[in-house]
Amino acid sequence: MTTNNVTSLGQARRSLTELAYEKLEELIVTLRLKPGSVQSEAALVQKTGFGRTPVREALLRLEREGLVDILPRKGVKITEIDLTRQFLLLELSRVLMTLLARTGARRATVEQRQQFAGIALDYEEIVRSKDLMTFMRMDITLNKLLCDASHNEHTCRAMNLLLGLNRRVGYVHLKNHGDIQTWASLRAEFARAIEKGDADAAVEITGRRLDYIESSIKSAVDSGEI
């Protein structure tokens, strides 16, 4: 087998693993795979439509991110939502997201700034449509672009370990409260700041966004919603 063929097979395998990961992450984050439930590998293969190898590799990544626990010979447990842990994650998220906001605004290329402008328009449409699933998928697009614009793989690697858990709690909140317009408006405003290269505005909006998330989680704890 030639080197080119080996490379192509490796790329195809990585692509399938990434697709399997995206599908499983969405199923977990949107609670279609219930927290605390135990799933068989065969069931997850069937739910995703991908083979055992990409599903297994995707599960290893999800385990590193705290969304699943792999139980040898028993299956895969979807982790519970732990709000005490979530507050600790928010402390770290604030540091990393502030850094990403600043570096993204300063380092984004012309092409990336144009993409942020398009993302802002997409979020403004979500403000009108209140489409929760579109919002959840747009968040992935925004996060990926922000990481690329920051040109710092180390910050991105650390941030990616937290995103799934943060997104799941965000989904629960939005499903219970329906304040998607507020969340989408903040993201549209943030994308505009990055587009303009306004690092101070991007950092300030990030602070407001995290303050809002933190107060939302505190309200959920007080009311016993999660």
Protein backbone atom coordinates (compact mmCIF):
# COMPACT_ATOMS: atom_id res chain seq x y z
CA MET A 1 0.00 0.00 0.00
CA THR A 2 1.42 3.42 -0.94
CA THR A 3 2.00 6.25 1.52
CA ASN A 4 -0.76 8.28 -0.17
CA ASN A 5 -3.27 5.46 0.32
CA VAL A 6 -2.31 5.11 3.99
CA THR A 7 -2.70 8.87 4.47
CA SER A 8 -6.10 8.86 2.74
CA LEU A 9 -7.32 5.99 4.91
CA GLY A 10 -6.13 7.79 8.03
CA GLN A 11 -7.93 10.98 7.01
CA ALA A 12 -11.12 9.07 6.26
CA ARG A 13 -10.95 7.36 9.64
CA ARG A 14 -10.44 10.70 11.42
CA SER A 15 -13.37 12.18 9.51
CA LEU A 16 -15.66 9.33 10.53
CA THR A 17 -14.52 9.62 14.15
CA GLU A 18 -15.20 13.37 14.09
CA LEU A 19 -18.67 12.83 12.63
CA ALA A 20 -19.44 10.12 15.20
CA TYR A 21 -18.23 12.44 17.95
CA GLU A 22 -20.41 15.31 16.75
CA LYS A 23 -23.47 13.06 16.61
CA LEU A 24 -22.90 11.54 20.05
CA GLU A 25 -22.08 14.91 21.61
CA GLU A 26 -25.34 16.35 20.31
CA LEU A 27 -27.34 13.36 21.57
CA ILE A 28 -25.81 13.79 25.03
CA VAL A 29 -25.93 17.58 25.20
CA THR A 30 -29.58 17.69 24.11
CA LEU A 31 -30.51 14.96 26.62
CA ARG A 32 -31.65 12.44 24.03
CA LEU A 33 -29.16 10.23 25.84
CA LYS A 34 -30.31 10.76 29.42
CA PRO A 35 -27.85 11.65 32.19
CA GLY A 36 -27.19 8.58 34.33
CA SER A 37 -28.35 6.11 31.68
CA VAL A 38 -26.13 3.21 30.59
CA GLN A 39 -25.90 2.60 26.84
CA SER A 40 -24.46 -0.39 25.05
CA GLU A 41 -21.87 0.19 22.37
CA ALA A 42 -24.12 -1.63 19.89
CA ALA A 43 -26.99 0.76 20.66
CA LEU A 44 -24.74 3.79 20.11
CA VAL A 45 -23.52 2.36 16.82
CA GLN A 46 -27.16 2.01 15.75
CA LYS A 47 -28.14 5.50 16.97
CA THR A 48 -25.30 7.20 15.15
CA GLY A 49 -25.12 5.10 12.02
CA PHE A 50 -21.33 4.82 12.29
CA GLY A 51 -19.16 1.74 12.77
CA ARG A 52 -17.71 0.44 16.03
CA THR A 53 -14.23 1.90 15.52
CA PRO A 54 -15.25 5.56 15.00
CA VAL A 55 -17.83 5.26 17.80
CA ARG A 56 -15.24 3.82 20.20
CA GLU A 57 -12.75 6.57 19.35
CA ALA A 58 -15.45 9.21 19.74
CA LEU A 59 -16.40 7.78 23.14
CA LEU A 60 -12.80 8.03 24.33
CA ARG A 61 -12.86 11.74 23.51
CA LEU A 62 -16.23 12.19 25.22
CA GLU A 63 -14.86 10.45 28.30
CA ARG A 64 -11.95 12.90 28.43
CA GLU A 65 -14.51 15.72 28.27
CA GLY A 66 -16.52 14.30 31.16
CA LEU A 67 -19.70 13.49 29.24
CA VAL A 68 -19.43 9.70 29.49
CA ASP A 69 -17.85 7.04 31.69
CA ILE A 70 -16.78 3.90 29.84
CA LEU A 71 -17.61 0.85 31.95
CA PRO A 72 -15.58 -2.20 30.84
CA ARG A 73 -17.88 -5.06 29.74
CA LYS A 74 -20.94 -3.11 30.93
CA GLY A 75 -21.39 -0.29 28.45
CA VAL A 76 -21.19 3.48 28.51
CA LYS A 77 -22.69 5.62 31.26
CA ILE A 78 -23.84 9.13 30.41
CA THR A 79 -22.58 11.31 33.24
CA GLU A 80 -24.97 13.08 35.56
CA ILE A 81 -25.28 16.87 35.58
CA ASP A 82 -23.23 18.04 38.56
CA LEU A 83 -23.87 21.72 39.32
CA THR A 84 -21.14 21.96 41.95
CA ARG A 85 -18.68 20.83 39.32
CA GLN A 86 -20.27 23.18 36.82
CA PHE A 87 -19.49 26.24 38.96
CA LEU A 88 -15.85 25.14 39.08
CA LEU A 89 -15.85 24.72 35.31
CA LEU A 90 -17.26 28.23 34.92
CA GLU A 91 -14.31 29.63 36.86
CA LEU A 92 -11.91 28.09 34.37
CA SER A 93 -14.17 28.84 31.39
CA ARG A 94 -14.13 32.53 32.28
CA VAL A 95 -10.33 32.63 32.07
CA LEU A 96 -10.13 30.68 28.82
CA MET A 97 -13.06 32.42 27.09
CA THR A 98 -11.70 35.85 27.99
CA LEU A 99 -8.36 34.89 26.48
CA LEU A 100 -10.02 33.51 23.34
CA ALA A 101 -12.12 36.67 22.98
CA ARG A 102 -9.07 38.92 23.19
CA THR A 103 -6.80 36.90 20.93
CA GLY A 104 -9.56 36.09 18.44
CA ALA A 105 -10.41 39.77 18.00
CA ARG A 106 -6.76 40.70 17.54
CA ARG A 107 -5.59 37.80 15.37
CA ALA A 108 -8.54 36.90 13.14
CA THR A 109 -7.77 37.01 9.43
CA VAL A 110 -9.81 39.04 6.96
CA GLU A 111 -11.57 35.86 5.82
CA GLN A 112 -12.33 34.86 9.41
CA ARG A 113 -13.78 38.31 10.18
CA GLN A 114 -16.12 37.87 7.23
CA GLN A 115 -17.18 34.51 8.68
CA PHE A 116 -17.89 36.14 12.05
CA ALA A 117 -20.10 38.66 10.26
CA GLY A 118 -22.06 35.78 8.75
CA ILE A 119 -22.36 34.08 12.13
CA ALA A 120 -23.73 37.30 13.64
CA LEU A 121 -26.45 37.31 10.98
CA ASP A 122 -27.25 33.67 11.74
CA TYR A 123 -27.65 34.42 15.45
CA GLU A 124 -29.84 37.42 14.65
CA GLU A 125 -32.06 35.07 12.66
CA ILE A 126 -32.22 32.74 15.68
CA VAL A 127 -33.39 35.71 17.78
CA ARG A 128 -36.38 35.86 15.44
CA SER A 129 -36.96 32.12 14.98
CA LYS A 130 -36.16 30.98 18.57
CA ASP A 131 -34.94 27.68 17.05
CA LEU A 132 -33.12 25.89 19.88
CA MET A 133 -31.47 23.15 17.81
CA THR A 134 -30.16 25.66 15.28
CA PHE A 135 -28.78 27.67 18.22
CA MET A 136 -26.98 24.62 19.63
CA ARG A 137 -25.42 23.81 16.26
CA MET A 138 -24.42 27.43 15.64
CA ASP A 139 -22.59 27.44 18.96
CA ILE A 140 -20.31 24.68 17.64
CA THR A 141 -19.60 26.76 14.54
CA LEU A 142 -18.84 29.86 16.62
CA ASN A 143 -16.56 27.97 19.02
CA LYS A 144 -14.58 26.36 16.20
CA LEU A 145 -14.11 29.64 14.36
CA LEU A 146 -13.09 31.45 17.54
CA CYS A 147 -10.46 28.80 18.25
CA ASP A 148 -9.11 29.07 14.71
CA ALA A 149 -9.03 32.88 14.95
CA SER A 150 -7.13 32.79 18.26
CA HIS A 151 -4.23 30.88 16.63
CA ASN A 152 -3.49 29.22 19.96
CA GLU A 153 -3.96 25.46 19.88
CA HIS A 154 -3.19 25.11 23.59
CA THR A 155 -6.02 27.43 24.69
CA CYS A 156 -8.36 25.68 22.28
CA ARG A 157 -7.43 22.23 23.54
CA ALA A 158 -8.17 23.29 27.12
CA MET A 159 -11.42 25.02 26.17
CA ASN A 160 -12.66 22.06 24.14
CA LEU A 161 -12.48 19.85 27.23
CA LEU A 162 -15.12 22.05 28.89
CA LEU A 163 -17.51 22.80 26.04
CA GLY A 164 -19.70 19.70 26.16
CA LEU A 165 -20.50 19.99 29.86
CA ASN A 166 -21.17 23.72 29.49
CA ARG A 167 -23.37 23.18 26.45
CA ARG A 168 -25.46 20.52 28.19
CA VAL A 169 -26.26 22.78 31.15
CA GLY A 170 -27.01 25.59 28.71
CA TYR A 171 -29.43 23.37 26.81
CA VAL A 172 -31.27 22.41 30.01
CA HIS A 173 -31.61 26.06 30.95
CA LEU A 174 -32.87 27.12 27.51
CA LYS A 175 -35.35 24.26 27.39
CA ASN A 176 -36.75 25.25 30.79
CA HIS A 177 -36.72 29.02 30.38
CA GLY A 178 -36.89 29.66 26.65
CA ASP A 179 -34.74 32.81 26.85
CA ILE A 180 -32.95 31.87 23.66
CA GLN A 181 -33.31 35.43 22.34
CA THR A 182 -31.06 36.78 25.11
CA TRP A 183 -28.42 34.11 24.55
CA ALA A 184 -28.49 34.48 20.76
CA SER A 185 -28.35 38.29 20.98
CA LEU A 186 -25.24 38.15 23.15
CA ARG A 187 -23.54 35.82 20.69
CA ALA A 188 -24.47 38.01 17.73
CA GLU A 189 -23.03 41.03 19.55
CA PHE A 190 -19.88 39.05 20.36
CA ALA A 191 -19.41 37.93 16.73
CA ARG A 192 -19.73 41.56 15.60
CA ALA A 193 -17.04 42.63 18.05
CA ILE A 194 -14.65 39.96 16.73
CA GLU A 195 -15.48 40.98 13.16
CA LYS A 196 -14.48 44.57 13.96
CA GLY A 197 -11.35 43.55 15.84
CA ASP A 198 -12.61 45.21 19.02
CA ALA A 199 -10.90 43.13 21.70
CA ASP A 200 -12.15 45.26 24.60
CA ALA A 201 -15.76 44.89 23.48
CA ALA A 202 -15.34 41.13 22.90
CA VAL A 203 -13.96 40.70 26.43
CA GLU A 204 -16.73 42.84 27.96
CA ILE A 205 -19.45 40.88 26.15
CA THR A 206 -17.85 37.61 27.26
CA GLY A 207 -18.03 38.81 30.86
CA ARG A 208 -21.71 39.70 30.53
CA ARG A 209 -22.43 36.37 28.88
CA LEU A 210 -20.74 34.39 31.65
CA ASP A 211 -22.37 36.49 34.38
CA TYR A 212 -25.74 35.68 32.84
CA ILE A 213 -24.93 31.96 32.62
CA GLU A 214 -23.72 31.89 36.22
CA SER A 215 -26.84 33.63 37.51
CA SER A 216 -28.98 31.20 35.47
CA ILE A 217 -27.27 28.19 37.05
CA LYS A 218 -27.67 29.68 40.53
CA SER A 219 -31.38 30.18 39.87
CA ALA A 220 -31.65 26.56 38.70
CA VAL A 221 -29.96 25.36 41.89
CA ASP A 222 -32.24 27.48 44.09
CA SER A 223 -35.37 26.26 42.30
CA GLY A 224 -34.25 22.63 42.07
CA GLU A 225 -34.68 22.54 38.28
CA ILE A 226 -31.47 20.62 37.59
